Each structure stands twice: as structure tokens, then as C-alpha cells.
Amino acid sequence: MQDLAELERRIAAALHRIGEGVEAMSRQPMPAAAPQRDDDGAEDRIAALESELAAERVLAASLRQRIADLEDAPPAIADLPPDVAALYARIDKMTAQLDVQGLEMQRMRKTVVQLRENLRGLRRAQVANLADPDQINRAMMAELEAMRVARLSEVAEMDEILSELTPLITEERADA
């Protein structure tokens, strides 16, 4: 990044010098009826300066683009200091764990909703004297089990989160 800043500074200085040279040449009065001479090489110098200016502009544009790309891109973990890279790795691990647990929780919630619907249907059938009391009992036991599993999953998720956060909190307290 420092190399890019140095190159950009050098390019800006070169462009500034070229601009000053072009301005100085444009401020000089042009002879009105003086015949054009090729032997002094002014046209060659102007052409060389213009081509150099064009090359510098292309280089400056490419460097600006590289700087913009570097600013927009997230840092690669390999390029970060080891302690920061370790934190990023832990964050990625925790994010993956939370994603998996989130999917599991969605499945369990869906199961609980289905079990509750089944139980409501069984209760309606019971009111109409069409249901078997043993069937109602089984549905209620299944719902209770689903609720227990959901609760245990939530507790496990919280324990996992706390186990990952505890070292970070300890480190921050030690640093403070």
C-alpha cells in the first residue's frame, strides 16, 4: 500500500511538472510570420512530452483503479497480523455454527407447529366424540418431547456461544 502511495505521489509530481512546462510554453508568444524550423526540435519535444503525459495519465488511472479495488476488497486473512487472522477464523467458525444451528432451529420450530396443529385436530375430534383418548395422549407426549428438544437445542446454542465469547471477553479485560 505504501508502494502505491509512493507511485501515486511520483506520478502526481510528474504530471505537475509536465503541466507547468506546457503552461510555460503556451505563455510564450508565438512568432506571427516566423517560418517553422524543424532543426530546433520543438515539435519533437512537444510530441515526446504529449506521449509521456498520455502514458502518465494511463498509469495514474490504473493506479487509482488499483487503490479503489484495494479499498473495496476485504482484507485477505493471510495478509493480516496473526492475532487478527485468528479472530477472523474464530468469527468464521462461529458464524458457520450459528448457521447450522439456525437451520436446526427452523426445523424444530416447524415440527412444533405441526405437532400443535395435530393436537388441535385431535382436540376437535375429541369434542365431536370421534377421537381416541390414547391418540390424544400420544400427540401431547410428542409435542412435549418436541418442546424439550427445542429447549435443549437453545441451551446448547447458548452454551456454544458463551464458550466462544468467554475467551474474547477475558482477553479484552486483560487488555483493558
N, C-alpha and C. Protein backbone atom coordinates (compact mmCIF):
# COMPACT_ATOMS: atom_id res chain seq x y z
N MET A 1 0.83 -1.18 0.00
CA MET A 1 0.00 0.00 0.00
C MET A 1 0.87 1.25 0.00
N GLN A 2 2.01 1.19 0.71
CA GLN A 2 2.91 2.33 0.73
C GLN A 2 3.54 2.52 -0.65
N ASP A 3 3.83 1.40 -1.34
CA ASP A 3 4.38 1.49 -2.68
C ASP A 3 3.42 2.21 -3.60
N LEU A 4 2.14 1.89 -3.48
CA LEU A 4 1.14 2.54 -4.32
C LEU A 4 1.07 4.04 -4.01
N ALA A 5 1.13 4.38 -2.73
CA ALA A 5 1.08 5.78 -2.35
C ALA A 5 2.31 6.51 -2.90
N GLU A 6 3.47 5.90 -2.84
CA GLU A 6 4.69 6.50 -3.36
C GLU A 6 4.60 6.69 -4.88
N LEU A 7 4.11 5.65 -5.58
CA LEU A 7 3.95 5.76 -7.03
C LEU A 7 2.96 6.86 -7.39
N GLU A 8 1.88 6.92 -6.66
CA GLU A 8 0.88 7.94 -6.93
C GLU A 8 1.48 9.34 -6.70
N ARG A 9 2.28 9.50 -5.66
CA ARG A 9 2.91 10.78 -5.38
C ARG A 9 3.87 11.16 -6.51
N ARG A 10 4.65 10.19 -6.98
CA ARG A 10 5.60 10.45 -8.06
C ARG A 10 4.88 10.81 -9.36
N ILE A 11 3.80 10.11 -9.63
CA ILE A 11 3.04 10.40 -10.85
C ILE A 11 2.43 11.79 -10.78
N ALA A 12 1.88 12.12 -9.60
CA ALA A 12 1.29 13.45 -9.44
C ALA A 12 2.36 14.54 -9.64
N ALA A 13 3.55 14.31 -9.11
CA ALA A 13 4.63 15.29 -9.26
C ALA A 13 5.03 15.41 -10.73
N ALA A 14 5.13 14.27 -11.44
CA ALA A 14 5.49 14.30 -12.86
C ALA A 14 4.43 15.03 -13.67
N LEU A 15 3.17 14.75 -13.38
CA LEU A 15 2.08 15.43 -14.09
C LEU A 15 2.12 16.93 -13.82
N HIS A 16 2.45 17.28 -12.60
CA HIS A 16 2.53 18.70 -12.25
C HIS A 16 3.66 19.38 -13.04
N ARG A 17 4.83 18.73 -13.11
CA ARG A 17 5.95 19.29 -13.87
C ARG A 17 5.60 19.42 -15.35
N ILE A 18 4.96 18.41 -15.90
CA ILE A 18 4.58 18.45 -17.32
C ILE A 18 3.58 19.58 -17.55
N GLY A 19 2.62 19.70 -16.64
CA GLY A 19 1.63 20.77 -16.76
C GLY A 19 2.28 22.14 -16.72
N GLU A 20 3.24 22.32 -15.82
CA GLU A 20 3.95 23.60 -15.74
C GLU A 20 4.72 23.87 -17.03
N GLY A 21 5.35 22.83 -17.60
CA GLY A 21 6.09 23.01 -18.85
C GLY A 21 5.17 23.40 -20.00
N VAL A 22 4.00 22.77 -20.08
CA VAL A 22 3.05 23.09 -21.13
C VAL A 22 2.53 24.50 -20.96
N GLU A 23 2.25 24.90 -19.71
CA GLU A 23 1.78 26.26 -19.46
C GLU A 23 2.85 27.29 -19.83
N ALA A 24 4.09 26.99 -19.47
CA ALA A 24 5.18 27.92 -19.80
C ALA A 24 5.32 28.07 -21.30
N MET A 25 5.17 26.98 -22.03
CA MET A 25 5.27 27.04 -23.48
C MET A 25 4.09 27.81 -24.07
N SER A 26 2.91 27.67 -23.48
CA SER A 26 1.74 28.35 -24.04
C SER A 26 1.77 29.84 -23.72
N ARG A 27 2.48 30.24 -22.67
CA ARG A 27 2.57 31.66 -22.31
C ARG A 27 3.53 32.42 -23.23
N GLN A 28 4.45 31.74 -23.84
CA GLN A 28 5.39 32.41 -24.74
C GLN A 28 4.65 32.81 -26.01
N PRO A 29 4.87 34.04 -26.45
CA PRO A 29 4.17 34.48 -27.67
C PRO A 29 4.71 33.72 -28.88
N MET A 30 3.80 33.36 -29.71
CA MET A 30 4.17 32.66 -30.94
C MET A 30 4.56 33.70 -31.99
N PRO A 31 5.67 33.50 -32.68
CA PRO A 31 6.02 34.45 -33.75
C PRO A 31 4.96 34.40 -34.84
N ALA A 32 4.54 35.57 -35.28
CA ALA A 32 3.45 35.67 -36.23
C ALA A 32 3.82 35.13 -37.60
N ALA A 33 4.87 35.63 -38.15
CA ALA A 33 5.20 35.24 -39.52
C ALA A 33 6.53 34.50 -39.59
N ALA A 34 6.98 34.03 -38.47
CA ALA A 34 8.27 33.36 -38.48
C ALA A 34 8.13 32.01 -39.16
N PRO A 35 9.06 31.68 -39.98
CA PRO A 35 9.00 30.39 -40.65
C PRO A 35 9.25 29.25 -39.64
N GLN A 36 8.58 28.12 -39.85
CA GLN A 36 8.73 26.95 -38.99
C GLN A 36 10.06 26.29 -39.27
N ARG A 37 10.77 25.96 -38.20
CA ARG A 37 12.05 25.27 -38.36
C ARG A 37 11.97 23.92 -37.67
N ASP A 38 12.42 22.94 -38.34
CA ASP A 38 12.47 21.61 -37.75
C ASP A 38 13.79 21.37 -37.04
N ASP A 39 14.75 22.22 -37.30
CA ASP A 39 16.07 21.94 -36.76
C ASP A 39 16.18 22.22 -35.26
N ASP A 40 15.25 23.01 -34.65
CA ASP A 40 15.36 23.26 -33.22
C ASP A 40 14.73 22.12 -32.39
N GLY A 41 13.92 21.26 -32.97
CA GLY A 41 13.38 20.08 -32.29
C GLY A 41 12.22 20.36 -31.36
N ALA A 42 11.60 21.54 -31.43
CA ALA A 42 10.49 21.87 -30.53
C ALA A 42 9.31 20.94 -30.76
N GLU A 43 9.02 20.66 -32.00
CA GLU A 43 7.89 19.78 -32.29
C GLU A 43 8.15 18.38 -31.75
N ASP A 44 9.37 17.94 -31.86
CA ASP A 44 9.71 16.62 -31.33
C ASP A 44 9.57 16.59 -29.82
N ARG A 45 10.02 17.66 -29.16
CA ARG A 45 9.91 17.72 -27.70
C ARG A 45 8.45 17.76 -27.28
N ILE A 46 7.63 18.51 -27.98
CA ILE A 46 6.20 18.58 -27.66
C ILE A 46 5.55 17.22 -27.84
N ALA A 47 5.87 16.57 -28.94
CA ALA A 47 5.30 15.24 -29.18
C ALA A 47 5.75 14.26 -28.10
N ALA A 48 7.03 14.35 -27.72
CA ALA A 48 7.54 13.46 -26.67
C ALA A 48 6.86 13.75 -25.34
N LEU A 49 6.69 15.03 -25.02
CA LEU A 49 6.02 15.41 -23.79
C LEU A 49 4.56 14.95 -23.78
N GLU A 50 3.89 15.11 -24.92
CA GLU A 50 2.50 14.69 -25.01
C GLU A 50 2.37 13.18 -24.85
N SER A 51 3.26 12.43 -25.45
CA SER A 51 3.19 10.97 -25.30
C SER A 51 3.53 10.57 -23.87
N GLU A 52 4.49 11.26 -23.25
CA GLU A 52 4.82 10.99 -21.85
C GLU A 52 3.64 11.32 -20.94
N LEU A 53 2.98 12.43 -21.23
CA LEU A 53 1.81 12.83 -20.46
C LEU A 53 0.70 11.80 -20.59
N ALA A 54 0.47 11.32 -21.80
CA ALA A 54 -0.56 10.30 -22.02
C ALA A 54 -0.21 9.02 -21.26
N ALA A 55 1.05 8.62 -21.29
CA ALA A 55 1.47 7.42 -20.57
C ALA A 55 1.29 7.60 -19.06
N GLU A 56 1.63 8.77 -18.56
CA GLU A 56 1.48 9.04 -17.13
C GLU A 56 0.00 9.04 -16.73
N ARG A 57 -0.85 9.58 -17.58
CA ARG A 57 -2.29 9.58 -17.29
C ARG A 57 -2.84 8.16 -17.24
N VAL A 58 -2.40 7.32 -18.18
CA VAL A 58 -2.84 5.91 -18.17
C VAL A 58 -2.37 5.22 -16.90
N LEU A 59 -1.11 5.45 -16.54
CA LEU A 59 -0.56 4.85 -15.33
C LEU A 59 -1.30 5.35 -14.10
N ALA A 60 -1.57 6.65 -14.04
CA ALA A 60 -2.29 7.22 -12.89
C ALA A 60 -3.69 6.63 -12.79
N ALA A 61 -4.36 6.48 -13.92
CA ALA A 61 -5.71 5.90 -13.91
C ALA A 61 -5.67 4.46 -13.43
N SER A 62 -4.69 3.69 -13.89
CA SER A 62 -4.61 2.29 -13.44
C SER A 62 -4.29 2.21 -11.96
N LEU A 63 -3.43 3.09 -11.47
CA LEU A 63 -3.13 3.10 -10.04
C LEU A 63 -4.33 3.52 -9.21
N ARG A 64 -5.08 4.50 -9.68
CA ARG A 64 -6.31 4.88 -8.97
C ARG A 64 -7.29 3.72 -8.91
N GLN A 65 -7.39 2.97 -10.02
CA GLN A 65 -8.28 1.82 -10.04
C GLN A 65 -7.81 0.75 -9.07
N ARG A 66 -6.52 0.51 -9.02
CA ARG A 66 -5.97 -0.49 -8.08
C ARG A 66 -6.23 -0.07 -6.64
N ILE A 67 -6.05 1.22 -6.35
CA ILE A 67 -6.32 1.72 -5.00
C ILE A 67 -7.78 1.54 -4.65
N ALA A 68 -8.67 1.88 -5.58
CA ALA A 68 -10.11 1.71 -5.33
C ALA A 68 -10.45 0.24 -5.11
N ASP A 69 -9.85 -0.64 -5.90
CA ASP A 69 -10.09 -2.08 -5.72
C ASP A 69 -9.60 -2.56 -4.37
N LEU A 70 -8.44 -2.08 -3.95
CA LEU A 70 -7.90 -2.49 -2.66
C LEU A 70 -8.74 -1.96 -1.51
N GLU A 71 -9.27 -0.75 -1.65
CA GLU A 71 -10.10 -0.19 -0.60
C GLU A 71 -11.44 -0.91 -0.51
N ASP A 72 -11.97 -1.36 -1.64
CA ASP A 72 -13.26 -2.04 -1.66
C ASP A 72 -13.17 -3.49 -1.22
N ALA A 73 -12.05 -4.13 -1.48
CA ALA A 73 -11.91 -5.56 -1.18
C ALA A 73 -11.65 -5.77 0.30
N PRO A 74 -12.27 -6.81 0.88
CA PRO A 74 -11.96 -7.13 2.27
C PRO A 74 -10.53 -7.66 2.36
N PRO A 75 -9.89 -7.45 3.48
CA PRO A 75 -8.51 -7.92 3.60
C PRO A 75 -8.44 -9.45 3.59
N ALA A 76 -7.44 -9.98 2.93
CA ALA A 76 -7.24 -11.43 2.94
C ALA A 76 -6.70 -11.82 4.30
N ILE A 77 -7.18 -12.92 4.81
CA ILE A 77 -6.78 -13.36 6.15
C ILE A 77 -5.28 -13.59 6.20
N ALA A 78 -4.69 -14.08 5.13
CA ALA A 78 -3.26 -14.36 5.11
C ALA A 78 -2.44 -13.07 5.22
N ASP A 79 -3.00 -11.94 4.80
CA ASP A 79 -2.28 -10.68 4.83
C ASP A 79 -2.39 -9.96 6.18
N LEU A 80 -3.25 -10.46 7.06
CA LEU A 80 -3.46 -9.80 8.34
C LEU A 80 -2.46 -10.28 9.38
N PRO A 81 -2.26 -9.50 10.44
CA PRO A 81 -1.41 -9.98 11.54
C PRO A 81 -2.01 -11.26 12.14
N PRO A 82 -1.17 -12.12 12.73
CA PRO A 82 -1.65 -13.41 13.21
C PRO A 82 -2.79 -13.33 14.22
N ASP A 83 -2.75 -12.37 15.13
CA ASP A 83 -3.82 -12.29 16.13
C ASP A 83 -5.15 -11.88 15.49
N VAL A 84 -5.09 -10.99 14.52
CA VAL A 84 -6.32 -10.57 13.83
C VAL A 84 -6.84 -11.71 12.95
N ALA A 85 -5.93 -12.42 12.29
CA ALA A 85 -6.34 -13.56 11.46
C ALA A 85 -6.99 -14.63 12.32
N ALA A 86 -6.49 -14.85 13.52
CA ALA A 86 -7.09 -15.83 14.42
C ALA A 86 -8.50 -15.40 14.81
N LEU A 87 -8.69 -14.11 15.05
CA LEU A 87 -10.02 -13.62 15.38
C LEU A 87 -10.99 -13.81 14.22
N TYR A 88 -10.52 -13.51 13.01
CA TYR A 88 -11.37 -13.72 11.84
C TYR A 88 -11.72 -15.19 11.67
N ALA A 89 -10.77 -16.07 11.92
CA ALA A 89 -11.04 -17.51 11.81
C ALA A 89 -12.07 -17.94 12.85
N ARG A 90 -11.96 -17.40 14.05
CA ARG A 90 -12.94 -17.75 15.09
C ARG A 90 -14.33 -17.22 14.73
N ILE A 91 -14.36 -16.02 14.18
CA ILE A 91 -15.64 -15.44 13.77
C ILE A 91 -16.27 -16.29 12.67
N ASP A 92 -15.47 -16.70 11.69
CA ASP A 92 -15.99 -17.56 10.62
C ASP A 92 -16.53 -18.87 11.18
N LYS A 93 -15.81 -19.45 12.13
CA LYS A 93 -16.23 -20.71 12.75
C LYS A 93 -17.56 -20.52 13.49
N MET A 94 -17.65 -19.45 14.25
CA MET A 94 -18.89 -19.19 14.99
C MET A 94 -20.05 -18.91 14.05
N THR A 95 -19.79 -18.22 12.98
CA THR A 95 -20.84 -17.92 12.01
C THR A 95 -21.37 -19.21 11.39
N ALA A 96 -20.46 -20.09 11.04
CA ALA A 96 -20.88 -21.38 10.47
C ALA A 96 -21.70 -22.17 11.48
N GLN A 97 -21.28 -22.17 12.73
CA GLN A 97 -22.02 -22.88 13.77
C GLN A 97 -23.42 -22.29 13.93
N LEU A 98 -23.50 -20.99 13.94
CA LEU A 98 -24.81 -20.34 14.08
C LEU A 98 -25.71 -20.64 12.88
N ASP A 99 -25.14 -20.70 11.68
CA ASP A 99 -25.94 -21.02 10.51
C ASP A 99 -26.53 -22.42 10.62
N VAL A 100 -25.70 -23.37 11.03
CA VAL A 100 -26.18 -24.75 11.19
C VAL A 100 -27.25 -24.82 12.27
N GLN A 101 -27.01 -24.16 13.37
CA GLN A 101 -27.99 -24.20 14.46
C GLN A 101 -29.27 -23.48 14.06
N GLY A 102 -29.15 -22.44 13.28
CA GLY A 102 -30.35 -21.73 12.82
C GLY A 102 -31.23 -22.63 11.97
N LEU A 103 -30.60 -23.40 11.08
CA LEU A 103 -31.37 -24.34 10.26
C LEU A 103 -32.04 -25.41 11.14
N GLU A 104 -31.29 -25.89 12.13
CA GLU A 104 -31.85 -26.89 13.04
C GLU A 104 -33.04 -26.31 13.81
N MET A 105 -32.89 -25.09 14.25
CA MET A 105 -33.98 -24.45 14.99
C MET A 105 -35.22 -24.26 14.10
N GLN A 106 -35.02 -23.92 12.85
CA GLN A 106 -36.16 -23.77 11.95
C GLN A 106 -36.90 -25.09 11.79
N ARG A 107 -36.13 -26.17 11.64
CA ARG A 107 -36.76 -27.48 11.52
C ARG A 107 -37.54 -27.84 12.76
N MET A 108 -36.95 -27.55 13.90
CA MET A 108 -37.63 -27.91 15.15
C MET A 108 -38.87 -27.05 15.35
N ARG A 109 -38.80 -25.80 15.02
CA ARG A 109 -39.99 -24.94 15.14
C ARG A 109 -41.10 -25.42 14.21
N LYS A 110 -40.71 -25.81 13.01
CA LYS A 110 -41.70 -26.34 12.07
C LYS A 110 -42.35 -27.61 12.64
N THR A 111 -41.54 -28.46 13.25
CA THR A 111 -42.07 -29.68 13.86
C THR A 111 -43.03 -29.34 14.99
N VAL A 112 -42.67 -28.39 15.81
CA VAL A 112 -43.54 -28.00 16.92
C VAL A 112 -44.86 -27.46 16.39
N VAL A 113 -44.80 -26.66 15.33
CA VAL A 113 -46.04 -26.12 14.75
C VAL A 113 -46.91 -27.26 14.23
N GLN A 114 -46.30 -28.22 13.55
CA GLN A 114 -47.06 -29.36 13.04
C GLN A 114 -47.67 -30.17 14.18
N LEU A 115 -46.90 -30.38 15.23
CA LEU A 115 -47.41 -31.13 16.37
C LEU A 115 -48.57 -30.40 17.03
N ARG A 116 -48.46 -29.11 17.14
CA ARG A 116 -49.56 -28.34 17.74
C ARG A 116 -50.82 -28.41 16.88
N GLU A 117 -50.64 -28.34 15.56
CA GLU A 117 -51.79 -28.48 14.66
C GLU A 117 -52.44 -29.86 14.81
N ASN A 118 -51.61 -30.89 14.90
CA ASN A 118 -52.14 -32.24 15.11
C ASN A 118 -52.91 -32.31 16.42
N LEU A 119 -52.38 -31.71 17.44
CA LEU A 119 -53.04 -31.72 18.73
C LEU A 119 -54.37 -30.98 18.67
N ARG A 120 -54.40 -29.84 17.99
CA ARG A 120 -55.67 -29.10 17.85
C ARG A 120 -56.71 -29.96 17.11
N GLY A 121 -56.25 -30.62 16.05
CA GLY A 121 -57.17 -31.50 15.32
C GLY A 121 -57.68 -32.62 16.20
N LEU A 122 -56.81 -33.20 17.00
CA LEU A 122 -57.23 -34.26 17.91
C LEU A 122 -58.21 -33.73 18.96
N ARG A 123 -57.97 -32.55 19.43
CA ARG A 123 -58.91 -31.97 20.42
C ARG A 123 -60.28 -31.72 19.79
N ARG A 124 -60.28 -31.22 18.55
CA ARG A 124 -61.57 -31.01 17.88
C ARG A 124 -62.30 -32.34 17.69
N ALA A 125 -61.54 -33.35 17.34
CA ALA A 125 -62.15 -34.67 17.17
C ALA A 125 -62.67 -35.20 18.50
N GLN A 126 -61.97 -34.91 19.56
CA GLN A 126 -62.40 -35.36 20.89
C GLN A 126 -63.70 -34.68 21.27
N VAL A 127 -63.80 -33.39 20.96
CA VAL A 127 -65.03 -32.65 21.27
C VAL A 127 -66.20 -33.26 20.51
N ALA A 128 -65.96 -33.71 19.30
CA ALA A 128 -67.01 -34.32 18.49
C ALA A 128 -67.17 -35.81 18.81
N ASN A 129 -66.48 -36.28 19.83
CA ASN A 129 -66.53 -37.68 20.27
C ASN A 129 -66.09 -38.64 19.17
N LEU A 130 -65.08 -38.23 18.37
CA LEU A 130 -64.57 -39.07 17.31
C LEU A 130 -63.13 -39.53 17.54
N ALA A 131 -62.48 -39.02 18.56
CA ALA A 131 -61.07 -39.31 18.76
C ALA A 131 -60.87 -40.33 19.89
N ASP A 132 -59.74 -40.99 19.79
CA ASP A 132 -59.33 -41.95 20.80
C ASP A 132 -58.50 -41.21 21.85
N PRO A 133 -58.82 -41.33 23.15
CA PRO A 133 -58.05 -40.63 24.18
C PRO A 133 -56.57 -41.02 24.18
N ASP A 134 -56.28 -42.26 23.81
CA ASP A 134 -54.89 -42.69 23.75
C ASP A 134 -54.14 -41.96 22.64
N GLN A 135 -54.83 -41.68 21.55
CA GLN A 135 -54.24 -40.94 20.44
C GLN A 135 -53.92 -39.51 20.88
N ILE A 136 -54.79 -38.91 21.62
CA ILE A 136 -54.57 -37.57 22.13
C ILE A 136 -53.36 -37.56 23.06
N ASN A 137 -53.26 -38.55 23.91
CA ASN A 137 -52.14 -38.64 24.83
C ASN A 137 -50.81 -38.76 24.08
N ARG A 138 -50.79 -39.59 23.05
CA ARG A 138 -49.56 -39.75 22.26
C ARG A 138 -49.18 -38.43 21.58
N ALA A 139 -50.14 -37.73 21.04
CA ALA A 139 -49.87 -36.45 20.39
C ALA A 139 -49.33 -35.44 21.39
N MET A 140 -49.88 -35.41 22.57
CA MET A 140 -49.41 -34.49 23.60
C MET A 140 -47.99 -34.85 24.04
N MET A 141 -47.70 -36.13 24.16
CA MET A 141 -46.35 -36.55 24.54
C MET A 141 -45.35 -36.18 23.45
N ALA A 142 -45.75 -36.33 22.20
CA ALA A 142 -44.87 -35.96 21.09
C ALA A 142 -44.61 -34.45 21.11
N GLU A 143 -45.63 -33.68 21.39
CA GLU A 143 -45.45 -32.23 21.46
C GLU A 143 -44.54 -31.84 22.62
N LEU A 144 -44.73 -32.47 23.75
CA LEU A 144 -43.86 -32.19 24.89
C LEU A 144 -42.41 -32.54 24.58
N GLU A 145 -42.21 -33.66 23.92
CA GLU A 145 -40.85 -34.07 23.55
C GLU A 145 -40.23 -33.06 22.57
N ALA A 146 -41.01 -32.61 21.62
CA ALA A 146 -40.51 -31.62 20.66
C ALA A 146 -40.14 -30.32 21.38
N MET A 147 -40.92 -29.93 22.34
CA MET A 147 -40.62 -28.73 23.10
C MET A 147 -39.35 -28.90 23.93
N ARG A 148 -39.16 -30.09 24.50
CA ARG A 148 -37.94 -30.37 25.27
C ARG A 148 -36.72 -30.29 24.35
N VAL A 149 -36.84 -30.89 23.17
CA VAL A 149 -35.72 -30.87 22.23
C VAL A 149 -35.40 -29.44 21.81
N ALA A 150 -36.43 -28.66 21.57
CA ALA A 150 -36.21 -27.26 21.20
C ALA A 150 -35.51 -26.51 22.32
N ARG A 151 -35.93 -26.74 23.53
CA ARG A 151 -35.31 -26.07 24.68
C ARG A 151 -33.86 -26.51 24.84
N LEU A 152 -33.60 -27.80 24.72
CA LEU A 152 -32.23 -28.30 24.84
C LEU A 152 -31.34 -27.74 23.72
N SER A 153 -31.91 -27.62 22.54
CA SER A 153 -31.14 -27.06 21.43
C SER A 153 -30.80 -25.60 21.70
N GLU A 154 -31.74 -24.84 22.24
CA GLU A 154 -31.48 -23.44 22.57
C GLU A 154 -30.40 -23.33 23.65
N VAL A 155 -30.47 -24.21 24.65
CA VAL A 155 -29.47 -24.19 25.72
C VAL A 155 -28.09 -24.54 25.15
N ALA A 156 -28.04 -25.54 24.29
CA ALA A 156 -26.76 -25.93 23.68
C ALA A 156 -26.21 -24.79 22.84
N GLU A 157 -27.07 -24.11 22.11
CA GLU A 157 -26.63 -22.99 21.29
C GLU A 157 -26.06 -21.87 22.16
N MET A 158 -26.73 -21.55 23.23
CA MET A 158 -26.24 -20.51 24.13
C MET A 158 -24.91 -20.91 24.77
N ASP A 159 -24.80 -22.17 25.16
CA ASP A 159 -23.54 -22.65 25.75
C ASP A 159 -22.40 -22.53 24.75
N GLU A 160 -22.66 -22.85 23.50
CA GLU A 160 -21.62 -22.76 22.47
C GLU A 160 -21.21 -21.31 22.24
N ILE A 161 -22.17 -20.44 22.19
CA ILE A 161 -21.87 -19.02 22.01
C ILE A 161 -21.06 -18.50 23.19
N LEU A 162 -21.49 -18.84 24.40
CA LEU A 162 -20.76 -18.39 25.58
C LEU A 162 -19.35 -18.95 25.63
N SER A 163 -19.18 -20.20 25.21
CA SER A 163 -17.84 -20.79 25.23
C SER A 163 -16.91 -20.09 24.26
N GLU A 164 -17.45 -19.56 23.16
CA GLU A 164 -16.62 -18.83 22.20
C GLU A 164 -16.38 -17.39 22.66
N LEU A 165 -17.35 -16.80 23.31
CA LEU A 165 -17.22 -15.41 23.72
C LEU A 165 -16.39 -15.24 24.99
N THR A 166 -16.38 -16.22 25.87
CA THR A 166 -15.66 -16.11 27.14
C THR A 166 -14.18 -15.80 26.94
N PRO A 167 -13.44 -16.52 26.06
CA PRO A 167 -12.03 -16.14 25.87
C PRO A 167 -11.86 -14.73 25.32
N LEU A 168 -12.75 -14.31 24.45
CA LEU A 168 -12.65 -12.96 23.90
C LEU A 168 -12.86 -11.91 24.98
N ILE A 169 -13.83 -12.14 25.83
CA ILE A 169 -14.10 -11.21 26.92
C ILE A 169 -12.93 -11.17 27.89
N THR A 170 -12.36 -12.33 28.18
CA THR A 170 -11.20 -12.42 29.07
C THR A 170 -10.03 -11.65 28.49
N GLU A 171 -9.79 -11.81 27.18
CA GLU A 171 -8.70 -11.08 26.52
C GLU A 171 -8.91 -9.57 26.58
N GLU A 172 -10.14 -9.16 26.33
CA GLU A 172 -10.43 -7.72 26.35
C GLU A 172 -10.25 -7.15 27.75
N ARG A 173 -10.67 -7.89 28.76
CA ARG A 173 -10.48 -7.42 30.14
C ARG A 173 -9.00 -7.35 30.48
N ALA A 174 -8.23 -8.31 30.00
CA ALA A 174 -6.79 -8.31 30.27
C ALA A 174 -6.12 -7.14 29.55
N ASP A 175 -6.58 -6.81 28.35
CA ASP A 175 -6.01 -5.71 27.59
C ASP A 175 -6.39 -4.35 28.21
N ALA A 176 -7.56 -4.30 28.81
CA ALA A 176 -8.02 -3.03 29.38
C ALA A 176 -7.28 -2.77 30.65
